[in-house]
Protein backbone atom coordinates (compact mmCIF):
# COMPACT_ATOMS: atom_id res chain seq x y z
CA MET A 1 -17.28 -13.35 -1.25
CA TYR A 2 -13.89 -13.38 -2.97
CA GLY A 3 -12.68 -16.65 -4.40
CA PRO A 4 -10.18 -17.86 -6.98
CA GLY A 5 -11.14 -16.51 -10.37
CA HIS A 6 -13.60 -13.99 -8.87
CA ASP A 7 -13.64 -10.77 -10.84
CA LEU A 8 -12.21 -8.84 -7.90
CA ASP A 9 -9.47 -11.22 -6.77
CA SER A 10 -5.90 -10.46 -7.86
CA MET A 11 -6.03 -12.70 -10.91
CA GLY A 12 -9.63 -11.75 -11.70
CA ALA A 13 -8.73 -8.07 -11.52
CA LEU A 14 -5.94 -8.78 -13.97
CA LYS A 15 -8.36 -10.65 -16.25
CA PHE A 16 -10.81 -7.74 -15.96
CA ALA A 17 -8.11 -5.17 -16.78
CA ASN A 18 -6.87 -7.27 -19.70
CA ALA A 19 -10.41 -7.71 -20.98
CA LEU A 20 -11.01 -3.95 -20.78
CA ALA A 21 -7.72 -3.24 -22.53
CA THR A 22 -8.63 -5.81 -25.15
CA LEU A 23 -12.06 -4.25 -25.57
CA ARG A 24 -10.57 -0.79 -26.06
CA ALA A 25 -8.01 -1.93 -28.66
CA PRO A 26 -9.52 -1.49 -32.17
CA SER A 27 -7.88 -4.62 -33.62
CA GLN A 28 -9.26 -6.69 -30.75
CA LEU A 29 -12.77 -5.32 -31.27
CA GLN A 30 -12.73 -6.93 -34.69
CA GLN A 31 -11.70 -10.23 -33.07
CA LEU A 32 -14.73 -10.06 -30.79
CA HIS A 33 -16.84 -11.22 -33.71
CA ALA A 34 -14.27 -13.77 -34.87
CA GLY A 35 -13.15 -15.30 -31.54
CA PRO A 36 -16.06 -16.97 -29.72
CA GLY A 37 -13.79 -18.12 -26.84
CA MET A 38 -13.14 -14.50 -25.85
CA GLN A 39 -16.73 -13.30 -26.25
CA PRO A 40 -17.98 -14.07 -22.69
CA GLN A 41 -15.07 -12.25 -21.04
CA LEU A 42 -15.26 -9.28 -23.37
CA LYS A 43 -19.04 -9.07 -23.07
CA GLU A 44 -18.83 -9.10 -19.26
CA ALA A 45 -16.06 -6.46 -19.31
CA ALA A 46 -18.11 -4.30 -21.67
CA GLN A 47 -21.16 -4.56 -19.40
CA LEU A 48 -19.13 -3.65 -16.32
CA ALA A 49 -17.44 -0.78 -18.12
CA GLN A 50 -20.72 0.52 -19.50
CA ALA A 51 -22.62 0.28 -16.21
CA GLY A 52 -19.66 1.19 -14.04
CA LEU A 53 -18.58 -1.13 -11.25
CA MET A 54 -21.16 0.35 -8.89
CA GLY A 55 -23.94 -0.40 -11.34
CA ALA A 56 -22.94 -3.98 -12.01
CA SER A 57 -25.74 -6.20 -10.77
CA ASP A 58 -23.55 -9.28 -10.33
CA LEU A 59 -21.42 -7.69 -7.59
CA SER A 60 -22.48 -8.05 -3.97
CA ALA A 61 -22.82 -4.93 -1.83
CA ALA A 62 -19.56 -5.74 0.01
CA ASP A 63 -17.74 -6.21 -3.30
CA LYS A 64 -19.05 -2.86 -4.55
CA VAL A 65 -17.75 -1.12 -1.43
CA GLU A 66 -14.35 -2.85 -1.70
CA SER A 67 -14.06 -1.89 -5.37
CA VAL A 68 -14.16 1.84 -4.59
CA ARG A 69 -12.37 2.03 -1.21
CA GLY A 70 -8.89 2.56 -2.61
CA ASN A 71 -5.69 0.62 -2.14
CA ASP A 72 -3.60 2.77 0.20
CA THR A 73 -3.40 3.00 3.96
CA ILE A 74 -1.68 5.98 5.54
CA TYR A 75 -0.66 6.55 9.15
CA GLY A 76 1.85 8.62 11.05
CA LEU A 77 4.73 8.17 13.43
CA ASP A 78 5.34 11.08 15.77
CA SER A 79 7.65 11.57 18.75
CA GLY A 80 5.35 14.30 20.05
CA VAL A 81 6.15 17.86 21.01
CA ALA A 82 8.75 16.76 23.55
CA GLY A 83 10.76 15.33 20.65
CA VAL A 84 13.88 13.21 20.88
CA GLY A 85 16.82 14.55 22.86
CA ALA A 86 20.20 15.32 21.28
CA GLY A 87 22.11 12.08 20.69
CA VAL A 88 19.20 10.01 22.03
CA THR A 89 17.85 6.88 20.35
CA ALA A 90 14.08 6.43 20.48
CA THR A 91 11.65 3.81 19.18
CA LEU A 92 8.33 5.13 17.93
CA THR A 93 5.52 2.61 17.66
CA VAL A 94 2.06 2.77 16.16
CA THR A 95 -0.66 0.11 15.94
CA PRO A 96 -2.57 0.60 12.67
CA GLN A 97 -6.19 -0.52 12.59
CA LYS A 98 -6.32 -1.69 8.99
CA ARG A 99 -4.95 -4.88 7.47
CA HIS A 100 -2.20 -3.85 5.06
CA ILE A 101 1.36 -4.26 3.85
CA PRO A 102 3.58 -1.24 4.64
CA VAL A 103 5.69 -0.30 1.63
CA ARG A 104 7.08 3.21 2.14
CA ILE A 105 7.98 5.78 4.77
CA VAL A 106 7.88 9.48 3.89
CA MET A 107 9.31 12.35 5.95
CA GLY A 108 10.25 15.97 5.47
CA GLY A 109 13.79 17.09 4.74
CA ALA A 110 14.24 18.76 8.13
CA THR A 111 13.31 15.54 9.95
CA ALA A 112 15.62 13.49 7.73
CA ALA A 113 18.52 15.88 8.38
CA ALA A 114 18.11 15.52 12.16
CA PHE A 115 17.89 11.71 12.40
CA VAL A 116 19.41 8.42 11.30
CA VAL A 117 17.28 5.28 11.20
CA THR A 118 18.60 2.21 13.02
CA ASP A 119 15.62 -0.16 12.81
CA ILE A 120 12.23 -0.51 11.16
CA ARG A 121 9.88 -3.33 12.09
CA ALA A 122 6.52 -4.54 10.84
CA GLY A 123 5.39 -6.60 13.80
CA VAL A 124 8.58 -8.45 14.77
CA GLU A 125 9.84 -8.64 11.17
CA PRO A 126 12.81 -6.34 10.47
CA ILE A 127 12.51 -4.25 7.30
CA LEU A 128 16.18 -3.27 7.09
CA SER A 129 18.55 -5.89 5.72
CA THR A 130 21.37 -4.90 8.06
CA VAL A 131 22.05 -3.78 11.59
CA GLY A 132 23.29 -0.22 11.87
CA ALA A 133 22.29 3.32 11.09
CA ILE A 134 21.13 4.43 7.66
CA SER A 135 20.50 7.96 6.50
CA ALA A 136 16.90 9.05 6.92
CA ALA A 137 17.31 11.05 3.69
CA ILE A 138 16.26 7.96 1.73
CA PHE A 139 12.75 8.58 3.08
CA ILE A 140 12.31 12.25 2.13
CA GLN A 141 9.28 13.02 0.02
CA ASP A 142 11.34 13.62 -3.14
CA ALA A 143 13.44 10.46 -2.78
CA THR A 144 13.41 8.02 -5.67
CA ALA A 145 14.10 4.98 -3.49
CA PRO A 146 11.95 1.96 -4.31
CA ASN A 147 9.28 0.65 -1.96
CA PHE A 148 10.54 -1.73 0.71
CA ARG A 149 9.45 -5.32 1.16
CA SER A 150 7.34 -6.04 4.23
CA VAL A 151 4.97 -8.51 5.81
CA VAL A 152 1.18 -8.46 6.08
CA MET A 153 0.25 -6.30 9.07
CA GLU A 154 -2.85 -7.64 10.78
CA VAL A 155 -4.91 -5.32 12.99
CA GLY A 156 -3.20 -5.09 16.38
CA MET A 157 0.35 -5.57 15.08
CA ASP A 158 2.84 -2.79 15.85
CA PHE A 159 4.81 -0.88 13.24
CA SER A 160 7.92 0.72 14.73
CA ILE A 161 10.89 2.78 13.71
CA THR A 162 14.00 3.35 15.82
CA VAL A 163 15.79 6.63 15.19
CA THR A 164 18.75 8.50 16.68
CA ASN A 165 18.82 12.28 16.90
CA ILE A 166 22.15 13.39 15.36
CA THR A 167 21.73 17.09 16.13
CA GLY A 168 22.84 19.01 19.19
CA ALA A 169 19.27 19.83 20.30
CA ASN A 170 15.87 18.25 20.86
CA ALA A 171 14.13 17.45 17.58
CA ARG A 172 10.64 16.23 16.80
CA PHE A 173 10.46 13.15 14.60
CA THR A 174 7.46 12.83 12.29
CA ALA A 175 6.96 10.48 9.36
CA THR A 176 4.13 8.96 7.35
CA VAL A 177 3.84 5.28 6.50
CA VAL A 178 2.11 4.32 3.27
CA GLY A 179 0.85 0.78 2.83
CA ARG A 180 -1.21 -1.33 0.48
CA TYR A 181 -4.64 -2.12 1.91
CA LEU A 182 -5.67 -5.77 2.12
CA PRO A 183 -9.35 -6.70 2.36
CA TRP A 184 -10.52 -8.78 5.33
CA TYR A 185 -11.35 -11.73 3.18
CA LEU A 186 -9.56 -13.01 0.11
CA GLY A 187 -11.32 -16.26 -0.51
């Protein structure tokens, strides 16, 4: 399984990426013959690159699956067809079934224009740094806002957003949460 220094742990992945970058750089290829200390890492990176991660014989079956699964988790928040009444505050909660760290919320412009956000929580941890309403426009798909900082969401933890409808009519709230997937085992 994963362990410190394993090729697929966070530092190992960095070493692997650096070794591949080093292997692809022409000046570093010349150093391959000159620098014996770097030869084992570069040789391993070359073998993995040549065979492809799925063809690497030194990876377990679980590691091979994890290497191609992707890094993002995506799930939705939806008030349903009934929507949120005019001037009403509602908390929408979802319980994702993948271990991850939520980093971004994305919504359409029409949804953002109809709502303000008063709270976002990953489990019991608040995402917002303040109490009070913020414009939902920061979460529209074209927004350039940076990712937010969150906690590790274990399976069974709730992700929730509290919104207030600022229009004069019922409005449906929908948004998508994007997170970074975390494998079940890290070491």
